[in-house]
Amino acid sequence: MHHTLRLPTPRVTGSVADAATRLIHRLLAAWHRQRTQRATVATLQGLDDRTLRDLGFHRAEIGGVAAELGGSTEATYLRVQLAHHLRA
């Protein structure tokens, strides 16, 4: 089950309010990336080596794949790039 927390954009003007809003959005985005990474690691670690190999990954690559799917780093794995494309 996937839940996304979306805050309404406040209509408050001023540099302090704008900065606070940007900070909140950055914190929420970071929190979401971290949750995605943890869920990806947990899911991939639960798979056997043969299934991982069928997906095109080795167990040692799980952390990198999770970081890419979570958006913490540039997507370099072809399968991660495809997954990002399919989610968009």
PDB file of N, CA and C in Angstrom:
ATOM      1  N   MET A   1       0.856  -1.173   0.000  1.00  0.00           N
ATOM      2  CA  MET A   1       0.000   0.000   0.000  1.00  0.00           C
ATOM      3  C   MET A   1       0.896   1.228   0.000  1.00  0.00           C
ATOM      4  N   HIS A   2       0.612   2.185  -0.858  1.00  0.00           N
ATOM      5  CA  HIS A   2       1.441   3.376  -1.000  1.00  0.00           C
ATOM      6  C   HIS A   2       0.617   4.596  -0.640  1.00  0.00           C
ATOM      7  N   HIS A   3       1.108   5.367   0.323  1.00  0.00           N
ATOM      8  CA  HIS A   3       0.437   6.596   0.724  1.00  0.00           C
ATOM      9  C   HIS A   3       1.347   7.775   0.413  1.00  0.00           C
ATOM     10  N   THR A   4       0.773   8.820  -0.100  1.00  0.00           N
ATOM     11  CA  THR A   4       1.535  10.025  -0.379  1.00  0.00           C
ATOM     12  C   THR A   4       0.926  11.171   0.397  1.00  0.00           C
ATOM     13  N   LEU A   5       1.755  11.819   1.177  1.00  0.00           N
ATOM     14  CA  LEU A   5       1.313  12.969   1.953  1.00  0.00           C
ATOM     15  C   LEU A   5       1.538  14.211   1.117  1.00  0.00           C
ATOM     16  N   ARG A   6       0.484  14.940   0.824  1.00  0.00           N
ATOM     17  CA  ARG A   6       0.603  16.161   0.036  1.00  0.00           C
ATOM     18  C   ARG A   6       0.033  17.317   0.846  1.00  0.00           C
ATOM     19  N   LEU A   7       0.859  18.333   0.999  1.00  0.00           N
ATOM     20  CA  LEU A   7       0.414  19.517   1.715  1.00  0.00           C
ATOM     21  C   LEU A   7      -0.094  20.538   0.715  1.00  0.00           C
ATOM     22  N   PRO A   8      -1.169  21.220   1.051  1.00  0.00           N
ATOM     23  CA  PRO A   8      -1.632  22.279   0.154  1.00  0.00           C
ATOM     24  C   PRO A   8      -0.622  23.420   0.140  1.00  0.00           C
ATOM     25  N   THR A   9      -0.485  24.044  -0.992  1.00  0.00           N
ATOM     26  CA  THR A   9       0.432  25.164  -1.109  1.00  0.00           C
ATOM     27  C   THR A   9      -0.198  26.378  -0.442  1.00  0.00           C
ATOM     28  N   PRO A  10       0.465  26.903   0.590  1.00  0.00           N
ATOM     29  CA  PRO A  10      -0.118  28.052   1.280  1.00  0.00           C
ATOM     30  C   PRO A  10      -0.080  29.299   0.410  1.00  0.00           C
ATOM     31  N   ARG A  11      -1.032  30.195   0.622  1.00  0.00           N
ATOM     32  CA  ARG A  11      -1.112  31.429  -0.150  1.00  0.00           C
ATOM     33  C   ARG A  11      -0.560  32.608   0.651  1.00  0.00           C
ATOM     34  N   VAL A  12       0.380  32.295   1.521  1.00  0.00           N
ATOM     35  CA  VAL A  12       1.013  33.322   2.346  1.00  0.00           C
ATOM     36  C   VAL A  12       2.182  33.900   1.555  1.00  0.00           C
ATOM     37  N   THR A  13       2.319  35.201   1.588  1.00  0.00           N
ATOM     38  CA  THR A  13       3.424  35.830   0.873  1.00  0.00           C
ATOM     39  C   THR A  13       4.498  36.233   1.863  1.00  0.00           C
ATOM     40  N   GLY A  14       5.670  36.435   1.358  1.00  0.00           N
ATOM     41  CA  GLY A  14       6.778  36.858   2.210  1.00  0.00           C
ATOM     42  C   GLY A  14       7.901  35.862   2.130  1.00  0.00           C
ATOM     43  N   SER A  15       9.103  36.350   2.273  1.00  0.00           N
ATOM     44  CA  SER A  15      10.271  35.498   2.112  1.00  0.00           C
ATOM     45  C   SER A  15      10.386  34.446   3.213  1.00  0.00           C
ATOM     46  N   VAL A  16      10.006  34.771   4.444  1.00  0.00           N
ATOM     47  CA  VAL A  16      10.100  33.807   5.538  1.00  0.00           C
ATOM     48  C   VAL A  16       9.105  32.675   5.320  1.00  0.00           C
ATOM     49  N   ALA A  17       7.890  33.016   4.932  1.00  0.00           N
ATOM     50  CA  ALA A  17       6.878  31.988   4.688  1.00  0.00           C
ATOM     51  C   ALA A  17       7.276  31.119   3.504  1.00  0.00           C
ATOM     52  N   ASP A  18       7.811  31.740   2.453  1.00  0.00           N
ATOM     53  CA  ASP A  18       8.253  30.973   1.285  1.00  0.00           C
ATOM     54  C   ASP A  18       9.392  30.030   1.652  1.00  0.00           C
ATOM     55  N   ALA A  19      10.330  30.513   2.434  1.00  0.00           N
ATOM     56  CA  ALA A  19      11.463  29.683   2.854  1.00  0.00           C
ATOM     57  C   ALA A  19      10.988  28.521   3.717  1.00  0.00           C
ATOM     58  N   ALA A  20      10.053  28.772   4.603  1.00  0.00           N
ATOM     59  CA  ALA A  20       9.512  27.714   5.464  1.00  0.00           C
ATOM     60  C   ALA A  20       8.785  26.667   4.634  1.00  0.00           C
ATOM     61  N   THR A  21       8.026  27.117   3.646  1.00  0.00           N
ATOM     62  CA  THR A  21       7.303  26.191   2.780  1.00  0.00           C
ATOM     63  C   THR A  21       8.274  25.326   1.993  1.00  0.00           C
ATOM     64  N   ARG A  22       9.322  25.945   1.445  1.00  0.00           N
ATOM     65  CA  ARG A  22      10.321  25.174   0.692  1.00  0.00           C
ATOM     66  C   ARG A  22      11.021  24.164   1.593  1.00  0.00           C
ATOM     67  N   LEU A  23      11.318  24.551   2.822  1.00  0.00           N
ATOM     68  CA  LEU A  23      11.963  23.647   3.767  1.00  0.00           C
ATOM     69  C   LEU A  23      11.070  22.450   4.067  1.00  0.00           C
ATOM     70  N   ILE A  24       9.812  22.692   4.325  1.00  0.00           N
ATOM     71  CA  ILE A  24       8.869  21.610   4.614  1.00  0.00           C
ATOM     72  C   ILE A  24       8.774  20.659   3.428  1.00  0.00           C
ATOM     73  N   HIS A  25       8.689  21.204   2.229  1.00  0.00           N
ATOM     74  CA  HIS A  25       8.595  20.350   1.042  1.00  0.00           C
ATOM     75  C   HIS A  25       9.873  19.534   0.841  1.00  0.00           C
ATOM     76  N   ARG A  26      11.036  20.116   1.105  1.00  0.00           N
ATOM     77  CA  ARG A  26      12.299  19.375   0.985  1.00  0.00           C
ATOM     78  C   ARG A  26      12.371  18.262   2.027  1.00  0.00           C
ATOM     79  N   LEU A  27      11.932  18.557   3.252  1.00  0.00           N
ATOM     80  CA  LEU A  27      11.945  17.538   4.307  1.00  0.00           C
ATOM     81  C   LEU A  27      11.000  16.381   3.976  1.00  0.00           C
ATOM     82  N   LEU A  28       9.817  16.715   3.472  1.00  0.00           N
ATOM     83  CA  LEU A  28       8.873  15.668   3.098  1.00  0.00           C
ATOM     84  C   LEU A  28       9.396  14.831   1.929  1.00  0.00           C
ATOM     85  N   ALA A  29      10.046  15.466   0.984  1.00  0.00           N
ATOM     86  CA  ALA A  29      10.614  14.727  -0.151  1.00  0.00           C
ATOM     87  C   ALA A  29      11.725  13.794   0.322  1.00  0.00           C
ATOM     88  N   ALA A  30      12.560  14.265   1.223  1.00  0.00           N
ATOM     89  CA  ALA A  30      13.634  13.430   1.766  1.00  0.00           C
ATOM     90  C   ALA A  30      13.060  12.256   2.550  1.00  0.00           C
ATOM     91  N   TRP A  31      12.025  12.506   3.315  1.00  0.00           N
ATOM     92  CA  TRP A  31      11.371  11.444   4.088  1.00  0.00           C
ATOM     93  C   TRP A  31      10.787  10.395   3.144  1.00  0.00           C
ATOM     94  N   HIS A  32      10.158  10.846   2.076  1.00  0.00           N
ATOM     95  CA  HIS A  32       9.567   9.931   1.104  1.00  0.00           C
ATOM     96  C   HIS A  32      10.658   9.100   0.416  1.00  0.00           C
ATOM     97  N   ARG A  33      11.774   9.732   0.041  1.00  0.00           N
ATOM     98  CA  ARG A  33      12.881   8.995  -0.585  1.00  0.00           C
ATOM     99  C   ARG A  33      13.410   7.927   0.358  1.00  0.00           C
ATOM    100  N   GLN A  34      13.556   8.276   1.635  1.00  0.00           N
ATOM    101  CA  GLN A  34      14.066   7.324   2.618  1.00  0.00           C
ATOM    102  C   GLN A  34      13.122   6.142   2.787  1.00  0.00           C
ATOM    103  N   ARG A  35      11.826   6.410   2.847  1.00  0.00           N
ATOM    104  CA  ARG A  35      10.835   5.320   2.966  1.00  0.00           C
ATOM    105  C   ARG A  35      10.876   4.403   1.755  1.00  0.00           C
ATOM    106  N   THR A  36      10.993   4.996   0.571  1.00  0.00           N
ATOM    107  CA  THR A  36      11.059   4.208  -0.653  1.00  0.00           C
ATOM    108  C   THR A  36      12.302   3.322  -0.648  1.00  0.00           C
ATOM    109  N   GLN A  37      13.442   3.896  -0.246  1.00  0.00           N
ATOM    110  CA  GLN A  37      14.674   3.123  -0.191  1.00  0.00           C
ATOM    111  C   GLN A  37      14.570   1.963   0.789  1.00  0.00           C
ATOM    112  N   ARG A  38      14.061   2.231   1.966  1.00  0.00           N
ATOM    113  CA  ARG A  38      13.934   1.154   2.966  1.00  0.00           C
ATOM    114  C   ARG A  38      13.001   0.045   2.493  1.00  0.00           C
ATOM    115  N   ALA A  39      11.898   0.419   1.879  1.00  0.00           N
ATOM    116  CA  ALA A  39      10.954  -0.581   1.376  1.00  0.00           C
ATOM    117  C   ALA A  39      11.578  -1.389   0.246  1.00  0.00           C
ATOM    118  N   THR A  40      12.342  -0.730  -0.613  1.00  0.00           N
ATOM    119  CA  THR A  40      12.995  -1.431  -1.722  1.00  0.00           C
ATOM    120  C   THR A  40      14.037  -2.409  -1.203  1.00  0.00           C
ATOM    121  N   VAL A  41      14.846  -1.965  -0.242  1.00  0.00           N
ATOM    122  CA  VAL A  41      15.852  -2.855   0.348  1.00  0.00           C
ATOM    123  C   VAL A  41      15.170  -4.061   0.982  1.00  0.00           C
ATOM    124  N   ALA A  42      14.146  -3.833   1.769  1.00  0.00           N
ATOM    125  CA  ALA A  42      13.456  -4.933   2.448  1.00  0.00           C
ATOM    126  C   ALA A  42      12.863  -5.913   1.439  1.00  0.00           C
ATOM    127  N   THR A  43      12.271  -5.390   0.381  1.00  0.00           N
ATOM    128  CA  THR A  43      11.657  -6.259  -0.622  1.00  0.00           C
ATOM    129  C   THR A  43      12.708  -7.071  -1.363  1.00  0.00           C
ATOM    130  N   LEU A  44      13.770  -6.412  -1.823  1.00  0.00           N
ATOM    131  CA  LEU A  44      14.798  -7.122  -2.577  1.00  0.00           C
ATOM    132  C   LEU A  44      15.563  -8.112  -1.707  1.00  0.00           C
ATOM    133  N   GLN A  45      15.799  -7.774  -0.443  1.00  0.00           N
ATOM    134  CA  GLN A  45      16.487  -8.714   0.443  1.00  0.00           C
ATOM    135  C   GLN A  45      15.641  -9.954   0.708  1.00  0.00           C
ATOM    136  N   GLY A  46      14.337  -9.828   0.575  1.00  0.00           N
ATOM    137  CA  GLY A  46      13.457 -10.963   0.780  1.00  0.00           C
ATOM    138  C   GLY A  46      13.428 -11.939  -0.387  1.00  0.00           C
ATOM    139  N   LEU A  47      14.025 -11.548  -1.515  1.00  0.00           N
ATOM    140  CA  LEU A  47      14.047 -12.415  -2.685  1.00  0.00           C
ATOM    141  C   LEU A  47      15.251 -13.347  -2.644  1.00  0.00           C
ATOM    142  N   ASP A  48      15.108 -14.520  -3.263  1.00  0.00           N
ATOM    143  CA  ASP A  48      16.253 -15.434  -3.339  1.00  0.00           C
ATOM    144  C   ASP A  48      17.191 -14.985  -4.453  1.00  0.00           C
ATOM    145  N   ASP A  49      18.403 -15.544  -4.452  1.00  0.00           N
ATOM    146  CA  ASP A  49      19.427 -15.124  -5.415  1.00  0.00           C
ATOM    147  C   ASP A  49      18.998 -15.370  -6.862  1.00  0.00           C
ATOM    148  N   ARG A  50      18.289 -16.439  -7.101  1.00  0.00           N
ATOM    149  CA  ARG A  50      17.856 -16.736  -8.468  1.00  0.00           C
ATOM    150  C   ARG A  50      16.874 -15.681  -8.972  1.00  0.00           C
ATOM    151  N   THR A  51      15.943 -15.275  -8.145  1.00  0.00           N
ATOM    152  CA  THR A  51      14.974 -14.255  -8.534  1.00  0.00           C
ATOM    153  C   THR A  51      15.674 -12.920  -8.775  1.00  0.00           C
ATOM    154  N   LEU A  52      16.612 -12.583  -7.891  1.00  0.00           N
ATOM    155  CA  LEU A  52      17.384 -11.349  -8.105  1.00  0.00           C
ATOM    156  C   LEU A  52      18.131 -11.404  -9.433  1.00  0.00           C
ATOM    157  N   ARG A  53      18.726 -12.551  -9.728  1.00  0.00           N
ATOM    158  CA  ARG A  53      19.450 -12.712 -10.985  1.00  0.00           C
ATOM    159  C   ARG A  53      18.493 -12.567 -12.170  1.00  0.00           C
ATOM    160  N   ASP A  54      17.288 -13.108 -12.043  1.00  0.00           N
ATOM    161  CA  ASP A  54      16.279 -12.966 -13.100  1.00  0.00           C
ATOM    162  C   ASP A  54      15.902 -11.502 -13.306  1.00  0.00           C
ATOM    163  N   LEU A  55      15.929 -10.713 -12.237  1.00  0.00           N
ATOM    164  CA  LEU A  55      15.636  -9.286 -12.327  1.00  0.00           C
ATOM    165  C   LEU A  55      16.835  -8.485 -12.845  1.00  0.00           C
ATOM    166  N   GLY A  56      17.985  -9.138 -12.913  1.00  0.00           N
ATOM    167  CA  GLY A  56      19.179  -8.479 -13.431  1.00  0.00           C
ATOM    168  C   GLY A  56      20.058  -7.865 -12.365  1.00  0.00           C
ATOM    169  N   PHE A  57      19.875  -8.262 -11.102  1.00  0.00           N
ATOM    170  CA  PHE A  57      20.651  -7.704 -10.003  1.00  0.00           C
ATOM    171  C   PHE A  57      21.373  -8.804  -9.243  1.00  0.00           C
ATOM    172  N   HIS A  58      22.465  -8.425  -8.608  1.00  0.00           N
ATOM    173  CA  HIS A  58      23.159  -9.288  -7.671  1.00  0.00           C
ATOM    174  C   HIS A  58      22.840  -8.750  -6.274  1.00  0.00           C
ATOM    175  N   ARG A  59      22.867  -9.616  -5.301  1.00  0.00           N
ATOM    176  CA  ARG A  59      22.527  -9.218  -3.932  1.00  0.00           C
ATOM    177  C   ARG A  59      23.375  -8.019  -3.461  1.00  0.00           C
ATOM    178  N   ALA A  60      24.621  -7.936  -3.913  1.00  0.00           N
ATOM    179  CA  ALA A  60      25.503  -6.839  -3.510  1.00  0.00           C
ATOM    180  C   ALA A  60      25.048  -5.494  -4.076  1.00  0.00           C
ATOM    181  N   GLU A  61      24.169  -5.497  -5.068  1.00  0.00           N
ATOM    182  CA  GLU A  61      23.705  -4.258  -5.693  1.00  0.00           C
ATOM    183  C   GLU A  61      22.416  -3.713  -5.085  1.00  0.00           C
ATOM    184  N   ILE A  62      21.864  -4.393  -4.113  1.00  0.00           N
ATOM    185  CA  ILE A  62      20.565  -3.998  -3.551  1.00  0.00           C
ATOM    186  C   ILE A  62      20.588  -2.560  -3.035  1.00  0.00           C
ATOM    187  N   GLY A  63      21.612  -2.181  -2.302  1.00  0.00           N
ATOM    188  CA  GLY A  63      21.692  -0.815  -1.766  1.00  0.00           C
ATOM    189  C   GLY A  63      21.703   0.233  -2.869  1.00  0.00           C
ATOM    190  N   GLY A  64      22.468  -0.020  -3.918  1.00  0.00           N
ATOM    191  CA  GLY A  64      22.537   0.919  -5.031  1.00  0.00           C
ATOM    192  C   GLY A  64      21.226   1.023  -5.783  1.00  0.00           C
ATOM    193  N   VAL A  65      20.602  -0.116  -5.994  1.00  0.00           N
ATOM    194  CA  VAL A  65      19.305  -0.125  -6.682  1.00  0.00           C
ATOM    195  C   VAL A  65      18.274   0.638  -5.847  1.00  0.00           C
ATOM    196  N   ALA A  66      18.268   0.409  -4.548  1.00  0.00           N
ATOM    197  CA  ALA A  66      17.320   1.095  -3.667  1.00  0.00           C
ATOM    198  C   ALA A  66      17.558   2.599  -3.672  1.00  0.00           C
ATOM    199  N   ALA A  67      18.818   3.017  -3.657  1.00  0.00           N
ATOM    200  CA  ALA A  67      19.135   4.453  -3.667  1.00  0.00           C
ATOM    201  C   ALA A  67      18.661   5.088  -4.972  1.00  0.00           C
ATOM    202  N   GLU A  68      18.835   4.379  -6.070  1.00  0.00           N
ATOM    203  CA  GLU A  68      18.394   4.918  -7.356  1.00  0.00           C
ATOM    204  C   GLU A  68      16.874   4.979  -7.448  1.00  0.00           C
ATOM    205  N   LEU A  69      16.197   3.926  -7.021  1.00  0.00           N
ATOM    206  CA  LEU A  69      14.727   3.948  -7.061  1.00  0.00           C
ATOM    207  C   LEU A  69      14.161   4.988  -6.109  1.00  0.00           C
ATOM    208  N   GLY A  70      14.848   5.204  -4.995  1.00  0.00           N
ATOM    209  CA  GLY A  70      14.399   6.208  -4.037  1.00  0.00           C
ATOM    210  C   GLY A  70      14.693   7.628  -4.469  1.00  0.00           C
ATOM    211  N   GLY A  71      15.498   7.784  -5.498  1.00  0.00           N
ATOM    212  CA  GLY A  71      15.807   9.113  -6.001  1.00  0.00           C
ATOM    213  C   GLY A  71      16.953   9.798  -5.290  1.00  0.00           C
ATOM    214  N   SER A  72      17.726   9.049  -4.482  1.00  0.00           N
ATOM    215  CA  SER A  72      18.840   9.656  -3.758  1.00  0.00           C
ATOM    216  C   SER A  72      20.086   9.800  -4.614  1.00  0.00           C
ATOM    217  N   THR A  73      20.127   9.095  -5.713  1.00  0.00           N
ATOM    218  CA  THR A  73      21.279   9.156  -6.595  1.00  0.00           C
ATOM    219  C   THR A  73      20.809   8.987  -8.031  1.00  0.00           C
ATOM    220  N   GLU A  74      21.683   9.286  -8.959  1.00  0.00           N
ATOM    221  CA  GLU A  74      21.336   9.200 -10.371  1.00  0.00           C
ATOM    222  C   GLU A  74      21.047   7.747 -10.760  1.00  0.00           C
ATOM    223  N   ALA A  75      20.024   7.545 -11.568  1.00  0.00           N
ATOM    224  CA  ALA A  75      19.663   6.203 -12.022  1.00  0.00           C
ATOM    225  C   ALA A  75      20.626   5.766 -13.122  1.00  0.00           C
ATOM    226  N   THR A  76      21.425   4.734 -12.833  1.00  0.00           N
ATOM    227  CA  THR A  76      22.360   4.219 -13.824  1.00  0.00           C
ATOM    228  C   THR A  76      22.008   2.808 -14.264  1.00  0.00           C
ATOM    229  N   TYR A  77      21.314   2.065 -13.425  1.00  0.00           N
ATOM    230  CA  TYR A  77      20.885   0.726 -13.810  1.00  0.00           C
ATOM    231  C   TYR A  77      19.753   0.851 -14.821  1.00  0.00           C
ATOM    232  N   LEU A  78      19.826   0.094 -15.884  1.00  0.00           N
ATOM    233  CA  LEU A  78      18.814   0.160 -16.929  1.00  0.00           C
ATOM    234  C   LEU A  78      17.432  -0.172 -16.369  1.00  0.00           C
ATOM    235  N   ARG A  79      17.348  -1.190 -15.536  1.00  0.00           N
ATOM    236  CA  ARG A  79      16.041  -1.582 -14.996  1.00  0.00           C
ATOM    237  C   ARG A  79      15.470  -0.492 -14.087  1.00  0.00           C
ATOM    238  N   VAL A  80      16.333   0.212 -13.372  1.00  0.00           N
ATOM    239  CA  VAL A  80      15.864   1.324 -12.527  1.00  0.00           C
ATOM    240  C   VAL A  80      15.345   2.443 -13.403  1.00  0.00           C
ATOM    241  N   GLN A  81      16.051   2.740 -14.491  1.00  0.00           N
ATOM    242  CA  GLN A  81      15.604   3.769 -15.403  1.00  0.00           C
ATOM    243  C   GLN A  81      14.242   3.412 -15.990  1.00  0.00           C
ATOM    244  N   LEU A  82      14.047   2.161 -16.336  1.00  0.00           N
ATOM    245  CA  LEU A  82      12.753   1.716 -16.862  1.00  0.00           C
ATOM    246  C   LEU A  82      11.655   1.834 -15.805  1.00  0.00           C
ATOM    247  N   ALA A  83      11.980   1.484 -14.564  1.00  0.00           N
ATOM    248  CA  ALA A  83      10.987   1.588 -13.489  1.00  0.00           C
ATOM    249  C   ALA A  83      10.586   3.034 -13.268  1.00  0.00           C
ATOM    250  N   HIS A  84      11.531   3.959 -13.305  1.00  0.00           N
ATOM    251  CA  HIS A  84      11.218   5.377 -13.166  1.00  0.00           C
ATOM    252  C   HIS A  84      10.321   5.833 -14.312  1.00  0.00           C
ATOM    253  N   HIS A  85      10.624   5.369 -15.508  1.00  0.00           N
ATOM    254  CA  HIS A  85       9.828   5.740 -16.681  1.00  0.00           C
ATOM    255  C   HIS A  85       8.388   5.224 -16.557  1.00  0.00           C
ATOM    256  N   LEU A  86       8.242   4.006 -16.059  1.00  0.00           N
ATOM    257  CA  LEU A  86       6.911   3.418 -15.929  1.00  0.00           C
ATOM    258  C   LEU A  86       6.098   4.091 -14.838  1.00  0.00           C
ATOM    259  N   ARG A  87       6.768   4.597 -13.779  1.00  0.00           N
ATOM    260  CA  ARG A  87       6.060   5.267 -12.685  1.00  0.00           C
ATOM    261  C   ARG A  87       5.612   6.667 -13.068  1.00  0.00           C
ATOM    262  N   ALA A  88       6.317   7.289 -13.991  1.00  0.00           N
ATOM    263  CA  ALA A  88       6.034   8.690 -14.358  1.00  0.00           C
ATOM    264  C   ALA A  88       4.755   8.825 -15.142  1.00  0.00           C
TER     265      ALA A  88
END
